[in-house]
Structure formats: structure tokens, C-alpha cells
N, C-alpha and C. Protein backbone atom coordinates (compact mmCIF):
# COMPACT_ATOMS: atom_id res chain seq x y z
N MET A 1 -6.59 40.54 19.24
CA MET A 1 -7.04 39.23 19.68
C MET A 1 -6.19 38.82 20.89
N GLU A 2 -6.80 38.29 21.89
CA GLU A 2 -6.04 37.93 23.09
C GLU A 2 -5.40 36.55 22.95
N ALA A 3 -4.42 36.29 23.79
CA ALA A 3 -3.61 35.08 23.71
C ALA A 3 -4.46 33.80 23.81
N ALA A 4 -5.44 33.78 24.68
CA ALA A 4 -6.27 32.59 24.86
C ALA A 4 -7.06 32.29 23.59
N SER A 5 -7.53 33.32 22.95
CA SER A 5 -8.29 33.16 21.71
C SER A 5 -7.40 32.64 20.59
N ILE A 6 -6.19 33.17 20.52
CA ILE A 6 -5.24 32.72 19.51
C ILE A 6 -4.88 31.25 19.76
N ALA A 7 -4.63 30.91 21.00
CA ALA A 7 -4.29 29.53 21.35
C ALA A 7 -5.43 28.58 20.98
N THR A 8 -6.66 29.00 21.21
CA THR A 8 -7.82 28.18 20.86
C THR A 8 -7.88 27.95 19.35
N ASN A 9 -7.64 29.01 18.57
CA ASN A 9 -7.65 28.88 17.11
C ASN A 9 -6.55 27.93 16.63
N VAL A 10 -5.38 28.05 17.21
CA VAL A 10 -4.26 27.18 16.84
C VAL A 10 -4.60 25.73 17.18
N ILE A 11 -5.14 25.51 18.36
CA ILE A 11 -5.51 24.16 18.78
C ILE A 11 -6.55 23.58 17.83
N ASP A 12 -7.56 24.36 17.47
CA ASP A 12 -8.60 23.90 16.55
C ASP A 12 -8.01 23.52 15.19
N LYS A 13 -7.12 24.34 14.68
CA LYS A 13 -6.50 24.07 13.38
C LYS A 13 -5.63 22.82 13.45
N LEU A 14 -4.85 22.70 14.53
CA LEU A 14 -4.00 21.51 14.68
C LEU A 14 -4.85 20.24 14.82
N LEU A 15 -5.93 20.32 15.53
CA LEU A 15 -6.81 19.17 15.69
C LEU A 15 -7.38 18.74 14.35
N ARG A 16 -7.85 19.69 13.53
CA ARG A 16 -8.37 19.37 12.20
C ARG A 16 -7.29 18.73 11.33
N LEU A 17 -6.08 19.27 11.42
CA LEU A 17 -4.97 18.72 10.65
C LEU A 17 -4.65 17.30 11.07
N LEU A 18 -4.62 17.04 12.37
CA LEU A 18 -4.37 15.70 12.87
C LEU A 18 -5.45 14.71 12.45
N ILE A 19 -6.69 15.15 12.47
CA ILE A 19 -7.80 14.30 12.05
C ILE A 19 -7.66 13.96 10.57
N ASP A 20 -7.33 14.95 9.75
CA ASP A 20 -7.13 14.72 8.31
C ASP A 20 -5.98 13.74 8.07
N GLU A 21 -4.89 13.91 8.81
CA GLU A 21 -3.74 13.01 8.66
C GLU A 21 -4.10 11.59 9.09
N ALA A 22 -4.85 11.47 10.16
CA ALA A 22 -5.27 10.14 10.63
C ALA A 22 -6.15 9.46 9.58
N ASP A 23 -7.06 10.22 8.96
CA ASP A 23 -7.91 9.66 7.90
C ASP A 23 -7.06 9.19 6.73
N SER A 24 -6.08 9.99 6.34
CA SER A 24 -5.20 9.61 5.23
C SER A 24 -4.41 8.35 5.57
N PHE A 25 -3.95 8.27 6.81
CA PHE A 25 -3.20 7.11 7.25
C PHE A 25 -4.06 5.85 7.21
N ARG A 26 -5.31 5.96 7.65
CA ARG A 26 -6.22 4.81 7.60
C ARG A 26 -6.43 4.35 6.16
N GLU A 27 -6.58 5.30 5.24
CA GLU A 27 -6.75 4.96 3.84
C GLU A 27 -5.50 4.26 3.30
N ALA A 28 -4.33 4.73 3.69
CA ALA A 28 -3.08 4.12 3.23
C ALA A 28 -2.97 2.69 3.75
N ILE A 29 -3.35 2.47 4.99
CA ILE A 29 -3.29 1.12 5.56
C ILE A 29 -4.21 0.19 4.77
N ALA A 30 -5.39 0.65 4.43
CA ALA A 30 -6.33 -0.16 3.65
C ALA A 30 -5.75 -0.48 2.27
N ASP A 31 -5.10 0.50 1.65
CA ASP A 31 -4.49 0.29 0.34
C ASP A 31 -3.36 -0.73 0.41
N VAL A 32 -2.54 -0.64 1.44
CA VAL A 32 -1.43 -1.58 1.61
C VAL A 32 -1.97 -2.99 1.85
N GLU A 33 -3.01 -3.12 2.63
CA GLU A 33 -3.60 -4.42 2.89
C GLU A 33 -4.16 -5.02 1.60
N LEU A 34 -4.82 -4.22 0.79
CA LEU A 34 -5.35 -4.70 -0.48
C LEU A 34 -4.21 -5.16 -1.39
N LEU A 35 -3.13 -4.40 -1.45
CA LEU A 35 -1.98 -4.78 -2.25
C LEU A 35 -1.38 -6.09 -1.75
N ARG A 36 -1.27 -6.25 -0.43
CA ARG A 36 -0.74 -7.49 0.14
C ARG A 36 -1.58 -8.69 -0.30
N GLN A 37 -2.91 -8.54 -0.24
CA GLN A 37 -3.80 -9.62 -0.64
C GLN A 37 -3.63 -9.96 -2.12
N GLU A 38 -3.53 -8.94 -2.96
CA GLU A 38 -3.37 -9.17 -4.40
C GLU A 38 -2.04 -9.84 -4.72
N LEU A 39 -0.98 -9.46 -4.00
CA LEU A 39 0.32 -10.09 -4.23
C LEU A 39 0.32 -11.54 -3.76
N GLU A 40 -0.39 -11.84 -2.69
CA GLU A 40 -0.49 -13.23 -2.25
C GLU A 40 -1.24 -14.07 -3.29
N ILE A 41 -2.28 -13.51 -3.88
CA ILE A 41 -3.00 -14.21 -4.94
C ILE A 41 -2.08 -14.46 -6.13
N LEU A 42 -1.31 -13.47 -6.49
CA LEU A 42 -0.36 -13.61 -7.60
C LEU A 42 0.68 -14.68 -7.28
N ARG A 43 1.19 -14.68 -6.06
CA ARG A 43 2.17 -15.70 -5.65
C ARG A 43 1.58 -17.10 -5.79
N ASP A 44 0.34 -17.28 -5.33
CA ASP A 44 -0.31 -18.58 -5.43
C ASP A 44 -0.53 -18.98 -6.88
N LEU A 45 -0.88 -18.01 -7.72
CA LEU A 45 -1.07 -18.28 -9.14
C LEU A 45 0.23 -18.74 -9.78
N ILE A 46 1.33 -18.08 -9.45
CA ILE A 46 2.63 -18.45 -10.00
C ILE A 46 2.99 -19.88 -9.59
N GLU A 47 2.76 -20.22 -8.34
CA GLU A 47 3.06 -21.57 -7.88
C GLU A 47 2.19 -22.60 -8.62
N THR A 48 0.94 -22.28 -8.85
CA THR A 48 0.04 -23.19 -9.57
C THR A 48 0.50 -23.35 -11.02
N VAL A 49 0.87 -22.26 -11.66
CA VAL A 49 1.34 -22.32 -13.05
C VAL A 49 2.60 -23.16 -13.15
N LYS A 50 3.52 -23.01 -12.18
CA LYS A 50 4.74 -23.83 -12.19
C LYS A 50 4.41 -25.32 -12.19
N LEU A 51 3.40 -25.70 -11.41
CA LEU A 51 3.05 -27.11 -11.28
C LEU A 51 2.26 -27.63 -12.47
N LEU A 52 1.35 -26.83 -12.99
CA LEU A 52 0.39 -27.33 -13.97
C LEU A 52 0.67 -26.95 -15.41
N ALA A 53 1.52 -25.99 -15.65
CA ALA A 53 1.73 -25.51 -17.02
C ALA A 53 3.22 -25.30 -17.29
N PRO A 54 3.94 -26.37 -17.50
CA PRO A 54 5.38 -26.22 -17.73
C PRO A 54 5.70 -25.36 -18.96
N GLY A 55 4.80 -25.26 -19.90
CA GLY A 55 5.02 -24.45 -21.11
C GLY A 55 4.88 -22.95 -20.88
N ALA A 56 4.57 -22.57 -19.66
CA ALA A 56 4.35 -21.15 -19.37
C ALA A 56 5.63 -20.46 -18.90
N GLN A 57 6.78 -21.04 -19.21
CA GLN A 57 8.05 -20.48 -18.73
C GLN A 57 8.25 -19.02 -19.16
N PRO A 58 7.91 -18.63 -20.40
CA PRO A 58 8.09 -17.20 -20.74
C PRO A 58 7.27 -16.28 -19.83
N TRP A 59 6.05 -16.68 -19.52
CA TRP A 59 5.21 -15.88 -18.64
C TRP A 59 5.81 -15.83 -17.24
N LEU A 60 6.30 -16.97 -16.76
CA LEU A 60 6.91 -17.01 -15.43
C LEU A 60 8.17 -16.15 -15.38
N SER A 61 8.94 -16.17 -16.44
CA SER A 61 10.15 -15.33 -16.49
C SER A 61 9.78 -13.85 -16.40
N GLU A 62 8.75 -13.46 -17.12
CA GLU A 62 8.31 -12.06 -17.09
C GLU A 62 7.76 -11.70 -15.71
N ALA A 63 6.99 -12.61 -15.11
CA ALA A 63 6.46 -12.36 -13.77
C ALA A 63 7.60 -12.23 -12.76
N THR A 64 8.62 -13.04 -12.90
CA THR A 64 9.78 -12.96 -12.01
C THR A 64 10.50 -11.63 -12.17
N ARG A 65 10.68 -11.20 -13.42
CA ARG A 65 11.35 -9.93 -13.69
C ARG A 65 10.58 -8.77 -13.06
N ILE A 66 9.26 -8.78 -13.20
CA ILE A 66 8.42 -7.71 -12.62
C ILE A 66 8.52 -7.74 -11.09
N ALA A 67 8.47 -8.95 -10.52
CA ALA A 67 8.56 -9.07 -9.05
C ALA A 67 9.90 -8.55 -8.55
N GLN A 68 10.96 -8.81 -9.29
CA GLN A 68 12.27 -8.31 -8.88
C GLN A 68 12.33 -6.78 -8.93
N ARG A 69 11.70 -6.20 -9.94
CA ARG A 69 11.67 -4.74 -10.04
C ARG A 69 10.87 -4.15 -8.88
N LEU A 70 9.74 -4.78 -8.55
CA LEU A 70 8.94 -4.31 -7.41
C LEU A 70 9.72 -4.41 -6.12
N GLU A 71 10.43 -5.50 -5.95
CA GLU A 71 11.22 -5.70 -4.73
C GLU A 71 12.31 -4.64 -4.61
N SER A 72 12.91 -4.27 -5.72
CA SER A 72 13.97 -3.26 -5.66
C SER A 72 13.42 -1.88 -5.31
N VAL A 73 12.19 -1.62 -5.68
CA VAL A 73 11.56 -0.35 -5.35
C VAL A 73 11.23 -0.29 -3.85
N LEU A 74 10.79 -1.42 -3.32
CA LEU A 74 10.41 -1.46 -1.91
C LEU A 74 11.65 -1.56 -1.06
């Protein structure tokens, strides 16, 4: 096989790999955005519970503990 043919094959394979990686990256961005939206909803829920349900302290304590664990992972 001549050098030009080998170079073409390498370029084709690299291009396919880059396209696959770009697709994966786009999917990851969408997943992160969805997670951000869900966490904002949870934050708003916690604030609402603090105001409207003072008896929910055990639930709030558990939610705080989980949020702290998530924060330490990130």
C-alpha cells in the first residue's frame, strides 16, 4: 500500500473518531444541563419547604446531607 493511501485511511479513521467524540460530548452537555435544571428545581423546593413546612426539618436535614455529599464529589 502506498503512503498516500495509508494517509487517507488514517485521516478517515481519525475523522470518524473525532465525530464520535463530538457526538459523545454533545450528549454529555445535554446531560449536564438536565442535571443543572433538576438541581435548581430541588433548590427551589427546599426553599419553599423551609418557608411553608417548619415540621419538615428531618427531611431538610437529609436533603442538606445529600447535597453536601454531592458537593464533595464535584
